[in-house]
Amino acid sequence: MLALYIPRHSPIHRLPAGFKLLACLVGTTAITLLGPLWSLGTALVLILALYFLARLPLSAATSALSPLLLIGGAIVTLQLALSGWPEAAATALRLPALVLFASLVTFTTPLSDMIETVTRAASPLARFGISPAKIGLAIALALRFIPALAKDWQEIGQARAARGANGPGFLAIGPLILRILSMTNALGDAIAARDFDSRT
């Protein structure tokens, strides 16, 4: 769900990475706590306006939301059945707003800048024996793996459809797990080759 950097000359791109990460933390918390439908709708419109201000293509927003369609649709349908349409409508607005806000930060901030910001913010933890560099690496891996795994999930689904598979989508979990294991093995070898464990 999280996206990768799209270079543009925009006011949002020029904002410091630390400011954008803090704004994302505060903004997503606020969206989670919002209740009225009008306020959630307003938040979603404002976030889309930020995409326009950042000069991002429409495909950026659609690509960020596409992995959400299946699981988001299931959540909204379940809430509609259990809690009624107001809760379902609130979720249908809240989930895209959260995903689009988080993706906006990754669309407009180079990954290296985010890692550097997180590493610098975590530097006080070094006195407790916690490596800020490893925290930065963990954040980088999470941000890189999420869109990669979402893309793998879509490719596996397309491959199953091309073979005429009509069974439940969860049957694609097996091939996805194999891809995850392959990625983690390759990543572990790369980290070991660079002697990352010796860094603080």
N, C-alpha and C. Protein backbone atom coordinates (compact mmCIF):
# COMPACT_ATOMS: atom_id res chain seq x y z
N MET A 1 0.80 -1.20 0.00
CA MET A 1 0.00 0.00 0.00
C MET A 1 0.84 1.26 0.00
N LEU A 2 1.98 1.18 0.61
CA LEU A 2 2.81 2.35 0.63
C LEU A 2 3.54 2.46 -0.70
N ALA A 3 3.72 3.70 -1.15
CA ALA A 3 4.23 3.93 -2.49
C ALA A 3 5.71 4.28 -2.46
N LEU A 4 6.27 4.46 -3.66
CA LEU A 4 7.67 4.82 -3.80
C LEU A 4 7.77 6.25 -4.33
N TYR A 5 8.92 6.84 -4.13
CA TYR A 5 9.13 8.25 -4.42
C TYR A 5 8.90 8.60 -5.90
N ILE A 6 8.16 9.68 -6.13
CA ILE A 6 7.94 10.22 -7.47
C ILE A 6 8.52 11.63 -7.49
N PRO A 7 9.62 11.86 -8.18
CA PRO A 7 10.25 13.19 -8.16
C PRO A 7 9.40 14.24 -8.87
N ARG A 8 9.19 15.35 -8.20
CA ARG A 8 8.47 16.50 -8.74
C ARG A 8 9.03 17.77 -8.10
N HIS A 9 8.82 18.91 -8.74
CA HIS A 9 9.17 20.20 -8.15
C HIS A 9 7.88 20.79 -7.59
N SER A 10 7.62 20.53 -6.33
CA SER A 10 6.39 21.00 -5.70
C SER A 10 6.68 21.46 -4.28
N PRO A 11 5.79 22.28 -3.71
CA PRO A 11 5.99 22.73 -2.32
C PRO A 11 6.05 21.57 -1.34
N ILE A 12 5.28 20.52 -1.58
CA ILE A 12 5.27 19.39 -0.65
C ILE A 12 6.57 18.61 -0.74
N HIS A 13 7.09 18.46 -1.94
CA HIS A 13 8.37 17.77 -2.09
C HIS A 13 9.49 18.51 -1.35
N ARG A 14 9.38 19.84 -1.30
CA ARG A 14 10.44 20.62 -0.69
C ARG A 14 10.38 20.66 0.84
N LEU A 15 9.29 20.20 1.41
CA LEU A 15 9.18 20.18 2.87
C LEU A 15 10.18 19.19 3.46
N PRO A 16 10.72 19.47 4.65
CA PRO A 16 11.65 18.53 5.29
C PRO A 16 10.98 17.18 5.57
N ALA A 17 11.77 16.13 5.46
CA ALA A 17 11.24 14.78 5.69
C ALA A 17 10.70 14.64 7.10
N GLY A 18 11.38 15.23 8.09
CA GLY A 18 10.91 15.13 9.46
C GLY A 18 9.55 15.76 9.66
N PHE A 19 9.33 16.91 9.02
CA PHE A 19 8.04 17.58 9.12
C PHE A 19 6.94 16.72 8.52
N LYS A 20 7.22 16.12 7.35
CA LYS A 20 6.19 15.30 6.70
C LYS A 20 5.88 14.04 7.49
N LEU A 21 6.90 13.42 8.08
CA LEU A 21 6.65 12.22 8.89
C LEU A 21 5.85 12.57 10.13
N LEU A 22 6.15 13.71 10.76
CA LEU A 22 5.39 14.13 11.93
C LEU A 22 3.96 14.48 11.54
N ALA A 23 3.79 15.18 10.41
CA ALA A 23 2.46 15.52 9.94
C ALA A 23 1.65 14.27 9.62
N CYS A 24 2.32 13.26 9.08
CA CYS A 24 1.64 11.99 8.77
C CYS A 24 1.18 11.31 10.06
N LEU A 25 2.04 11.31 11.07
CA LEU A 25 1.68 10.70 12.35
C LEU A 25 0.49 11.41 12.98
N VAL A 26 0.54 12.74 13.02
CA VAL A 26 -0.55 13.51 13.61
C VAL A 26 -1.82 13.39 12.76
N GLY A 27 -1.65 13.49 11.44
CA GLY A 27 -2.81 13.45 10.56
C GLY A 27 -3.53 12.11 10.56
N THR A 28 -2.79 11.02 10.50
CA THR A 28 -3.43 9.71 10.50
C THR A 28 -4.09 9.42 11.85
N THR A 29 -3.49 9.91 12.93
CA THR A 29 -4.13 9.75 14.24
C THR A 29 -5.44 10.51 14.29
N ALA A 30 -5.44 11.74 13.75
CA ALA A 30 -6.66 12.54 13.73
C ALA A 30 -7.74 11.89 12.88
N ILE A 31 -7.35 11.36 11.72
CA ILE A 31 -8.33 10.69 10.85
C ILE A 31 -8.92 9.47 11.54
N THR A 32 -8.10 8.74 12.27
CA THR A 32 -8.59 7.56 12.98
C THR A 32 -9.63 7.94 14.03
N LEU A 33 -9.45 9.12 14.65
CA LEU A 33 -10.35 9.54 15.72
C LEU A 33 -11.59 10.26 15.21
N LEU A 34 -11.58 10.69 13.94
CA LEU A 34 -12.74 11.40 13.41
C LEU A 34 -13.95 10.48 13.34
N GLY A 35 -15.12 11.04 13.63
CA GLY A 35 -16.34 10.25 13.60
C GLY A 35 -17.35 10.68 12.56
N PRO A 36 -17.73 11.97 12.52
CA PRO A 36 -18.77 12.42 11.57
C PRO A 36 -18.36 12.19 10.12
N LEU A 37 -19.33 11.80 9.32
CA LEU A 37 -19.03 11.53 7.91
C LEU A 37 -18.55 12.78 7.19
N TRP A 38 -19.11 13.95 7.54
CA TRP A 38 -18.71 15.17 6.85
C TRP A 38 -17.24 15.49 7.10
N SER A 39 -16.77 15.21 8.34
CA SER A 39 -15.37 15.50 8.65
C SER A 39 -14.43 14.52 7.94
N LEU A 40 -14.83 13.27 7.83
CA LEU A 40 -14.01 12.30 7.10
C LEU A 40 -13.99 12.62 5.61
N GLY A 41 -15.14 13.03 5.08
CA GLY A 41 -15.19 13.42 3.67
C GLY A 41 -14.33 14.63 3.39
N THR A 42 -14.36 15.60 4.32
CA THR A 42 -13.53 16.80 4.17
C THR A 42 -12.05 16.44 4.20
N ALA A 43 -11.68 15.55 5.12
CA ALA A 43 -10.28 15.12 5.22
C ALA A 43 -9.83 14.45 3.93
N LEU A 44 -10.67 13.61 3.36
CA LEU A 44 -10.32 12.91 2.12
C LEU A 44 -10.14 13.90 0.96
N VAL A 45 -11.03 14.90 0.89
CA VAL A 45 -10.92 15.91 -0.17
C VAL A 45 -9.64 16.73 0.01
N LEU A 46 -9.30 17.08 1.25
CA LEU A 46 -8.08 17.85 1.50
C LEU A 46 -6.84 17.06 1.12
N ILE A 47 -6.85 15.77 1.41
CA ILE A 47 -5.70 14.93 1.04
C ILE A 47 -5.55 14.86 -0.47
N LEU A 48 -6.67 14.72 -1.18
CA LEU A 48 -6.61 14.70 -2.64
C LEU A 48 -6.12 16.05 -3.18
N ALA A 49 -6.48 17.13 -2.48
CA ALA A 49 -5.98 18.46 -2.88
C ALA A 49 -4.46 18.53 -2.71
N LEU A 50 -3.94 17.86 -1.68
CA LEU A 50 -2.49 17.83 -1.47
C LEU A 50 -1.80 17.07 -2.60
N TYR A 51 -2.46 16.02 -3.13
CA TYR A 51 -1.91 15.31 -4.28
C TYR A 51 -1.79 16.26 -5.48
N PHE A 52 -2.83 17.10 -5.65
CA PHE A 52 -2.79 18.07 -6.74
C PHE A 52 -1.68 19.09 -6.51
N LEU A 53 -1.54 19.55 -5.27
CA LEU A 53 -0.49 20.51 -4.94
C LEU A 53 0.90 19.91 -5.16
N ALA A 54 1.02 18.61 -4.90
CA ALA A 54 2.30 17.92 -5.09
C ALA A 54 2.56 17.56 -6.55
N ARG A 55 1.60 17.87 -7.43
CA ARG A 55 1.73 17.61 -8.87
C ARG A 55 1.91 16.12 -9.16
N LEU A 56 1.21 15.31 -8.39
CA LEU A 56 1.27 13.87 -8.60
C LEU A 56 0.18 13.45 -9.58
N PRO A 57 0.45 12.47 -10.43
CA PRO A 57 -0.56 12.00 -11.40
C PRO A 57 -1.69 11.25 -10.70
N LEU A 58 -2.83 11.20 -11.37
CA LEU A 58 -3.97 10.47 -10.83
C LEU A 58 -3.63 9.00 -10.60
N SER A 59 -2.75 8.46 -11.44
CA SER A 59 -2.36 7.06 -11.30
C SER A 59 -1.67 6.79 -9.97
N ALA A 60 -1.06 7.83 -9.37
CA ALA A 60 -0.41 7.65 -8.07
C ALA A 60 -1.45 7.30 -7.01
N ALA A 61 -2.55 8.05 -7.01
CA ALA A 61 -3.61 7.78 -6.03
C ALA A 61 -4.26 6.42 -6.27
N THR A 62 -4.52 6.10 -7.53
CA THR A 62 -5.18 4.82 -7.83
C THR A 62 -4.27 3.64 -7.49
N SER A 63 -2.97 3.79 -7.75
CA SER A 63 -2.05 2.70 -7.42
C SER A 63 -1.93 2.49 -5.92
N ALA A 64 -2.04 3.59 -5.16
CA ALA A 64 -1.99 3.47 -3.70
C ALA A 64 -3.23 2.79 -3.16
N LEU A 65 -4.37 3.01 -3.82
CA LEU A 65 -5.63 2.47 -3.31
C LEU A 65 -5.94 1.07 -3.83
N SER A 66 -5.35 0.67 -4.95
CA SER A 66 -5.73 -0.61 -5.56
C SER A 66 -5.54 -1.81 -4.65
N PRO A 67 -4.44 -1.90 -3.87
CA PRO A 67 -4.33 -3.06 -2.98
C PRO A 67 -5.36 -3.05 -1.86
N LEU A 68 -5.99 -1.88 -1.62
CA LEU A 68 -6.96 -1.76 -0.53
C LEU A 68 -8.34 -2.28 -0.92
N LEU A 69 -8.60 -2.40 -2.22
CA LEU A 69 -9.96 -2.67 -2.68
C LEU A 69 -10.52 -3.97 -2.11
N LEU A 70 -9.73 -5.03 -2.14
CA LEU A 70 -10.23 -6.33 -1.70
C LEU A 70 -10.49 -6.37 -0.20
N ILE A 71 -9.46 -6.07 0.58
CA ILE A 71 -9.61 -6.15 2.03
C ILE A 71 -10.50 -5.02 2.55
N GLY A 72 -10.38 -3.83 1.95
CA GLY A 72 -11.24 -2.72 2.36
C GLY A 72 -12.70 -3.00 2.07
N GLY A 73 -12.96 -3.57 0.91
CA GLY A 73 -14.34 -3.93 0.57
C GLY A 73 -14.92 -4.96 1.52
N ALA A 74 -14.08 -5.92 1.93
CA ALA A 74 -14.55 -6.93 2.87
C ALA A 74 -14.86 -6.31 4.23
N ILE A 75 -14.02 -5.39 4.68
CA ILE A 75 -14.24 -4.73 5.98
C ILE A 75 -15.51 -3.90 5.94
N VAL A 76 -15.70 -3.14 4.87
CA VAL A 76 -16.90 -2.29 4.76
C VAL A 76 -18.16 -3.16 4.70
N THR A 77 -18.11 -4.25 3.94
CA THR A 77 -19.27 -5.16 3.85
C THR A 77 -19.60 -5.76 5.21
N LEU A 78 -18.57 -6.16 5.95
CA LEU A 78 -18.79 -6.73 7.27
C LEU A 78 -19.40 -5.70 8.22
N GLN A 79 -18.89 -4.48 8.18
CA GLN A 79 -19.45 -3.44 9.05
C GLN A 79 -20.87 -3.08 8.66
N LEU A 80 -21.15 -3.12 7.38
CA LEU A 80 -22.51 -2.84 6.92
C LEU A 80 -23.48 -3.87 7.48
N ALA A 81 -23.04 -5.14 7.52
CA ALA A 81 -23.90 -6.20 8.03
C ALA A 81 -24.05 -6.15 9.55
N LEU A 82 -22.98 -5.77 10.25
CA LEU A 82 -22.98 -5.85 11.71
C LEU A 82 -23.35 -4.53 12.39
N SER A 83 -22.94 -3.40 11.78
CA SER A 83 -23.11 -2.12 12.47
C SER A 83 -23.97 -1.10 11.74
N GLY A 84 -24.36 -1.42 10.51
CA GLY A 84 -25.20 -0.49 9.77
C GLY A 84 -24.40 0.41 8.84
N TRP A 85 -25.14 1.16 8.03
CA TRP A 85 -24.48 1.95 6.99
C TRP A 85 -23.65 3.12 7.52
N PRO A 86 -23.99 3.78 8.65
CA PRO A 86 -23.13 4.90 9.08
C PRO A 86 -21.69 4.46 9.38
N GLU A 87 -21.53 3.35 10.09
CA GLU A 87 -20.19 2.85 10.39
C GLU A 87 -19.48 2.39 9.13
N ALA A 88 -20.23 1.73 8.24
CA ALA A 88 -19.63 1.25 6.99
C ALA A 88 -19.18 2.43 6.13
N ALA A 89 -20.00 3.48 6.06
CA ALA A 89 -19.64 4.66 5.28
C ALA A 89 -18.43 5.36 5.87
N ALA A 90 -18.36 5.43 7.21
CA ALA A 90 -17.21 6.05 7.86
C ALA A 90 -15.92 5.29 7.53
N THR A 91 -15.99 3.97 7.54
CA THR A 91 -14.82 3.16 7.21
C THR A 91 -14.44 3.31 5.74
N ALA A 92 -15.46 3.41 4.88
CA ALA A 92 -15.20 3.57 3.45
C ALA A 92 -14.51 4.89 3.15
N LEU A 93 -14.66 5.88 4.02
CA LEU A 93 -13.96 7.15 3.86
C LEU A 93 -12.63 7.15 4.61
N ARG A 94 -12.62 6.53 5.79
CA ARG A 94 -11.43 6.58 6.65
C ARG A 94 -10.25 5.80 6.05
N LEU A 95 -10.51 4.59 5.57
CA LEU A 95 -9.43 3.76 5.06
C LEU A 95 -8.70 4.40 3.87
N PRO A 96 -9.42 4.88 2.84
CA PRO A 96 -8.70 5.55 1.74
C PRO A 96 -7.95 6.79 2.20
N ALA A 97 -8.53 7.54 3.15
CA ALA A 97 -7.84 8.74 3.64
C ALA A 97 -6.53 8.38 4.30
N LEU A 98 -6.52 7.32 5.12
CA LEU A 98 -5.31 6.90 5.80
C LEU A 98 -4.24 6.43 4.80
N VAL A 99 -4.67 5.62 3.85
CA VAL A 99 -3.72 5.08 2.87
C VAL A 99 -3.16 6.19 1.99
N LEU A 100 -4.03 7.10 1.54
CA LEU A 100 -3.57 8.18 0.67
C LEU A 100 -2.64 9.14 1.40
N PHE A 101 -2.92 9.41 2.68
CA PHE A 101 -2.06 10.32 3.45
C PHE A 101 -0.67 9.70 3.63
N ALA A 102 -0.64 8.44 4.05
CA ALA A 102 0.65 7.76 4.23
C ALA A 102 1.40 7.65 2.90
N SER A 103 0.69 7.36 1.83
CA SER A 103 1.33 7.23 0.52
C SER A 103 1.84 8.57 0.02
N LEU A 104 1.14 9.66 0.37
CA LEU A 104 1.59 10.98 -0.04
C LEU A 104 3.00 11.28 0.47
N VAL A 105 3.27 10.86 1.71
CA VAL A 105 4.59 11.09 2.28
C VAL A 105 5.65 10.30 1.52
N THR A 106 5.37 9.05 1.22
CA THR A 106 6.36 8.24 0.51
C THR A 106 6.47 8.62 -0.96
N PHE A 107 5.38 9.16 -1.56
CA PHE A 107 5.47 9.66 -2.93
C PHE A 107 6.36 10.89 -3.03
N THR A 108 6.39 11.70 -1.99
CA THR A 108 7.07 13.01 -2.07
C THR A 108 8.37 13.08 -1.27
N THR A 109 8.78 11.97 -0.67
CA THR A 109 9.99 11.98 0.16
C THR A 109 10.91 10.84 -0.26
N PRO A 110 12.13 11.13 -0.65
CA PRO A 110 13.07 10.04 -0.98
C PRO A 110 13.26 9.11 0.22
N LEU A 111 13.38 7.84 -0.05
CA LEU A 111 13.53 6.86 1.03
C LEU A 111 14.77 7.15 1.86
N SER A 112 15.85 7.60 1.21
CA SER A 112 17.08 7.89 1.95
C SER A 112 16.86 9.02 2.97
N ASP A 113 16.03 10.01 2.60
CA ASP A 113 15.74 11.11 3.53
C ASP A 113 14.95 10.62 4.73
N MET A 114 14.00 9.70 4.48
CA MET A 114 13.21 9.17 5.59
C MET A 114 14.07 8.34 6.54
N ILE A 115 14.96 7.53 5.97
CA ILE A 115 15.85 6.71 6.80
C ILE A 115 16.75 7.60 7.65
N GLU A 116 17.31 8.63 7.01
CA GLU A 116 18.19 9.54 7.74
C GLU A 116 17.45 10.24 8.87
N THR A 117 16.21 10.64 8.60
CA THR A 117 15.41 11.33 9.63
C THR A 117 15.10 10.40 10.79
N VAL A 118 14.67 9.17 10.48
CA VAL A 118 14.35 8.21 11.54
C VAL A 118 15.60 7.85 12.33
N THR A 119 16.72 7.66 11.64
CA THR A 119 17.97 7.33 12.33
C THR A 119 18.40 8.45 13.26
N ARG A 120 18.26 9.68 12.80
CA ARG A 120 18.64 10.83 13.63
C ARG A 120 17.71 10.96 14.84
N ALA A 121 16.41 10.73 14.61
CA ALA A 121 15.45 10.82 15.71
C ALA A 121 15.69 9.72 16.75
N ALA A 122 16.19 8.57 16.29
CA ALA A 122 16.42 7.45 17.20
C ALA A 122 17.79 7.48 17.85
N SER A 123 18.60 8.48 17.54
CA SER A 123 19.96 8.52 18.07
C SER A 123 20.04 8.51 19.60
N PRO A 124 19.09 9.11 20.35
CA PRO A 124 19.16 9.02 21.82
C PRO A 124 19.08 7.59 22.36
N LEU A 125 18.52 6.67 21.55
CA LEU A 125 18.39 5.28 22.00
C LEU A 125 19.73 4.55 22.04
N ALA A 126 20.75 5.14 21.39
CA ALA A 126 22.06 4.49 21.36
C ALA A 126 22.62 4.30 22.76
N ARG A 127 22.31 5.21 23.70
CA ARG A 127 22.83 5.09 25.06
C ARG A 127 22.24 3.89 25.80
N PHE A 128 21.13 3.33 25.25
CA PHE A 128 20.53 2.14 25.86
C PHE A 128 20.92 0.87 25.10
N GLY A 129 21.88 1.00 24.20
CA GLY A 129 22.36 -0.16 23.45
C GLY A 129 21.53 -0.49 22.23
N ILE A 130 20.61 0.41 21.84
CA ILE A 130 19.77 0.19 20.66
C ILE A 130 20.38 0.94 19.48
N SER A 131 20.57 0.26 18.37
CA SER A 131 21.24 0.84 17.21
C SER A 131 20.27 1.69 16.39
N PRO A 132 20.49 3.02 16.31
CA PRO A 132 19.65 3.85 15.45
C PRO A 132 19.74 3.44 13.98
N ALA A 133 20.93 3.00 13.54
CA ALA A 133 21.09 2.59 12.14
C ALA A 133 20.21 1.39 11.82
N LYS A 134 20.08 0.46 12.77
CA LYS A 134 19.25 -0.72 12.53
C LYS A 134 17.76 -0.37 12.55
N ILE A 135 17.40 0.63 13.36
CA ILE A 135 16.00 1.10 13.33
C ILE A 135 15.70 1.72 11.97
N GLY A 136 16.64 2.51 11.46
CA GLY A 136 16.47 3.08 10.13
C GLY A 136 16.36 2.02 9.06
N LEU A 137 17.16 0.97 9.19
CA LEU A 137 17.10 -0.14 8.23
C LEU A 137 15.74 -0.83 8.30
N ALA A 138 15.23 -1.05 9.51
CA ALA A 138 13.94 -1.71 9.67
C ALA A 138 12.82 -0.90 9.02
N ILE A 139 12.86 0.43 9.21
CA ILE A 139 11.85 1.29 8.59
C ILE A 139 11.97 1.22 7.07
N ALA A 140 13.21 1.25 6.57
CA ALA A 140 13.43 1.19 5.12
C ALA A 140 12.89 -0.11 4.54
N LEU A 141 13.14 -1.22 5.23
CA LEU A 141 12.67 -2.51 4.73
C LEU A 141 11.16 -2.58 4.72
N ALA A 142 10.53 -2.05 5.77
CA ALA A 142 9.06 -2.07 5.83
C ALA A 142 8.47 -1.25 4.69
N LEU A 143 9.03 -0.05 4.47
CA LEU A 143 8.51 0.82 3.42
C LEU A 143 8.76 0.22 2.03
N ARG A 144 9.85 -0.51 1.89
CA ARG A 144 10.16 -1.11 0.58
C ARG A 144 9.38 -2.40 0.35
N PHE A 145 9.18 -3.18 1.40
CA PHE A 145 8.54 -4.48 1.23
C PHE A 145 7.04 -4.36 1.01
N ILE A 146 6.38 -3.38 1.62
CA ILE A 146 4.92 -3.30 1.52
C ILE A 146 4.47 -3.15 0.07
N PRO A 147 4.99 -2.17 -0.69
CA PRO A 147 4.56 -2.10 -2.09
C PRO A 147 5.02 -3.29 -2.92
N ALA A 148 6.19 -3.84 -2.58
CA ALA A 148 6.69 -5.00 -3.33
C ALA A 148 5.77 -6.21 -3.13
N LEU A 149 5.34 -6.43 -1.89
CA LEU A 149 4.46 -7.56 -1.61
C LEU A 149 3.07 -7.34 -2.20
N ALA A 150 2.60 -6.10 -2.19
CA ALA A 150 1.31 -5.81 -2.82
C ALA A 150 1.36 -6.11 -4.31
N LYS A 151 2.48 -5.73 -4.93
CA LYS A 151 2.64 -6.01 -6.36
C LYS A 151 2.72 -7.51 -6.61
N ASP A 152 3.45 -8.24 -5.76
CA ASP A 152 3.53 -9.69 -5.90
C ASP A 152 2.16 -10.33 -5.78
N TRP A 153 1.36 -9.85 -4.81
CA TRP A 153 0.01 -10.40 -4.61
C TRP A 153 -0.84 -10.21 -5.87
N GLN A 154 -0.75 -9.03 -6.50
CA GLN A 154 -1.51 -8.78 -7.71
C GLN A 154 -1.02 -9.66 -8.86
N GLU A 155 0.29 -9.83 -8.97
CA GLU A 155 0.84 -10.67 -10.05
C GLU A 155 0.41 -12.12 -9.88
N ILE A 156 0.42 -12.61 -8.64
CA ILE A 156 -0.01 -13.99 -8.39
C ILE A 156 -1.49 -14.15 -8.74
N GLY A 157 -2.30 -13.17 -8.35
CA GLY A 157 -3.72 -13.22 -8.68
C GLY A 157 -3.96 -13.21 -10.17
N GLN A 158 -3.21 -12.39 -10.91
CA GLN A 158 -3.35 -12.34 -12.36
C GLN A 158 -2.92 -13.66 -13.00
N ALA A 159 -1.85 -14.26 -12.46
CA ALA A 159 -1.38 -15.53 -12.99
C ALA A 159 -2.42 -16.63 -12.76
N ARG A 160 -3.05 -16.62 -11.58
CA ARG A 160 -4.09 -17.62 -11.29
C ARG A 160 -5.28 -17.43 -12.22
N ALA A 161 -5.65 -16.15 -12.44
CA ALA A 161 -6.79 -15.88 -13.33
C ALA A 161 -6.48 -16.32 -14.76
N ALA A 162 -5.22 -16.12 -15.20
CA ALA A 162 -4.83 -16.52 -16.56
C ALA A 162 -4.91 -18.04 -16.74
N ARG A 163 -4.71 -18.77 -15.63
CA ARG A 163 -4.80 -20.24 -15.69
C ARG A 163 -6.22 -20.73 -15.47
N GLY A 164 -7.16 -19.79 -15.33
CA GLY A 164 -8.56 -20.17 -15.18
C GLY A 164 -8.96 -20.54 -13.77
N ALA A 165 -8.15 -20.12 -12.78
CA ALA A 165 -8.48 -20.43 -11.39
C ALA A 165 -9.66 -19.58 -10.94
N ASN A 166 -10.64 -20.23 -10.34
CA ASN A 166 -11.83 -19.54 -9.86
C ASN A 166 -12.02 -19.67 -8.36
N GLY A 167 -11.03 -20.28 -7.70
CA GLY A 167 -11.15 -20.51 -6.26
C GLY A 167 -10.93 -19.25 -5.46
N PRO A 168 -11.05 -19.34 -4.13
CA PRO A 168 -10.85 -18.18 -3.27
C PRO A 168 -9.47 -17.58 -3.42
N GLY A 169 -9.38 -16.25 -3.27
CA GLY A 169 -8.12 -15.55 -3.42
C GLY A 169 -7.09 -15.93 -2.39
N PHE A 170 -7.55 -16.45 -1.22
CA PHE A 170 -6.58 -16.77 -0.18
C PHE A 170 -5.69 -17.94 -0.57
N LEU A 171 -6.04 -18.66 -1.64
CA LEU A 171 -5.18 -19.75 -2.10
C LEU A 171 -3.87 -19.22 -2.66
N ALA A 172 -3.83 -17.91 -2.95
CA ALA A 172 -2.58 -17.30 -3.44
C ALA A 172 -1.59 -17.04 -2.32
N ILE A 173 -1.98 -17.26 -1.07
CA ILE A 173 -1.09 -16.99 0.06
C ILE A 173 0.15 -17.88 0.01
N GLY A 174 -0.02 -19.14 -0.42
CA GLY A 174 1.12 -20.07 -0.49
C GLY A 174 2.24 -19.55 -1.37
N PRO A 175 1.95 -19.22 -2.65
CA PRO A 175 3.01 -18.65 -3.50
C PRO A 175 3.58 -17.35 -2.94
N LEU A 176 2.72 -16.54 -2.30
CA LEU A 176 3.21 -15.28 -1.73
C LEU A 176 4.22 -15.55 -0.62
N ILE A 177 3.94 -16.54 0.22
CA ILE A 177 4.86 -16.88 1.31
C ILE A 177 6.21 -17.34 0.74
N LEU A 178 6.17 -18.12 -0.35
CA LEU A 178 7.41 -18.56 -0.98
C LEU A 178 8.23 -17.37 -1.48
N ARG A 179 7.54 -16.38 -2.04
CA ARG A 179 8.25 -15.19 -2.52
C ARG A 179 8.84 -14.41 -1.33
N ILE A 180 8.09 -14.32 -0.24
CA ILE A 180 8.59 -13.62 0.95
C ILE A 180 9.85 -14.30 1.47
N LEU A 181 9.82 -15.64 1.55
CA LEU A 181 10.99 -16.38 2.04
C LEU A 181 12.20 -16.16 1.13
N SER A 182 11.94 -16.15 -0.19
CA SER A 182 13.04 -15.92 -1.13
C SER A 182 13.63 -14.52 -0.95
N MET A 183 12.74 -13.52 -0.77
CA MET A 183 13.21 -12.15 -0.58
C MET A 183 14.01 -12.00 0.71
N THR A 184 13.52 -12.61 1.79
CA THR A 184 14.21 -12.46 3.07
C THR A 184 15.56 -13.17 3.06
N ASN A 185 15.64 -14.32 2.39
CA ASN A 185 16.93 -15.01 2.29
C ASN A 185 17.95 -14.15 1.53
N ALA A 186 17.51 -13.58 0.41
CA ALA A 186 18.41 -12.73 -0.38
C ALA A 186 18.81 -11.49 0.40
N LEU A 187 17.84 -10.93 1.13
CA LEU A 187 18.14 -9.74 1.92
C LEU A 187 19.10 -10.06 3.05
N GLY A 188 18.90 -11.19 3.72
CA GLY A 188 19.80 -11.59 4.80
C GLY A 188 21.22 -11.77 4.30
N ASP A 189 21.39 -12.38 3.14
CA ASP A 189 22.73 -12.55 2.56
C ASP A 189 23.37 -11.20 2.24
N ALA A 190 22.54 -10.26 1.72
CA ALA A 190 23.08 -8.94 1.38
C ALA A 190 23.51 -8.18 2.63
N ILE A 191 22.73 -8.26 3.70
CA ILE A 191 23.07 -7.57 4.94
C ILE A 191 24.34 -8.17 5.55
N ALA A 192 24.42 -9.51 5.54
CA ALA A 192 25.61 -10.17 6.09
C ALA A 192 26.85 -9.80 5.28
N ALA A 193 26.72 -9.71 3.96
CA ALA A 193 27.87 -9.38 3.11
C ALA A 193 28.39 -7.97 3.39
N ARG A 194 27.48 -7.09 3.83
CA ARG A 194 27.88 -5.71 4.12
C ARG A 194 28.25 -5.51 5.59
N ASP A 195 28.27 -6.59 6.37
CA ASP A 195 28.66 -6.55 7.78
C ASP A 195 27.87 -5.49 8.53
N PHE A 196 26.52 -5.48 8.32
CA PHE A 196 25.69 -4.46 8.95
C PHE A 196 25.62 -4.64 10.46
N ASP A 197 25.79 -5.87 10.96
CA ASP A 197 25.69 -6.11 12.39
C ASP A 197 26.75 -5.35 13.18
N SER A 198 27.84 -4.95 12.54
CA SER A 198 28.89 -4.24 13.24
C SER A 198 28.60 -2.75 13.40
N ARG A 199 27.51 -2.25 12.78
CA ARG A 199 27.20 -0.84 12.83
C ARG A 199 26.36 -0.52 14.07
N THR A 200 26.47 0.71 14.53
CA THR A 200 25.68 1.18 15.67
C THR A 200 24.83 2.34 15.27
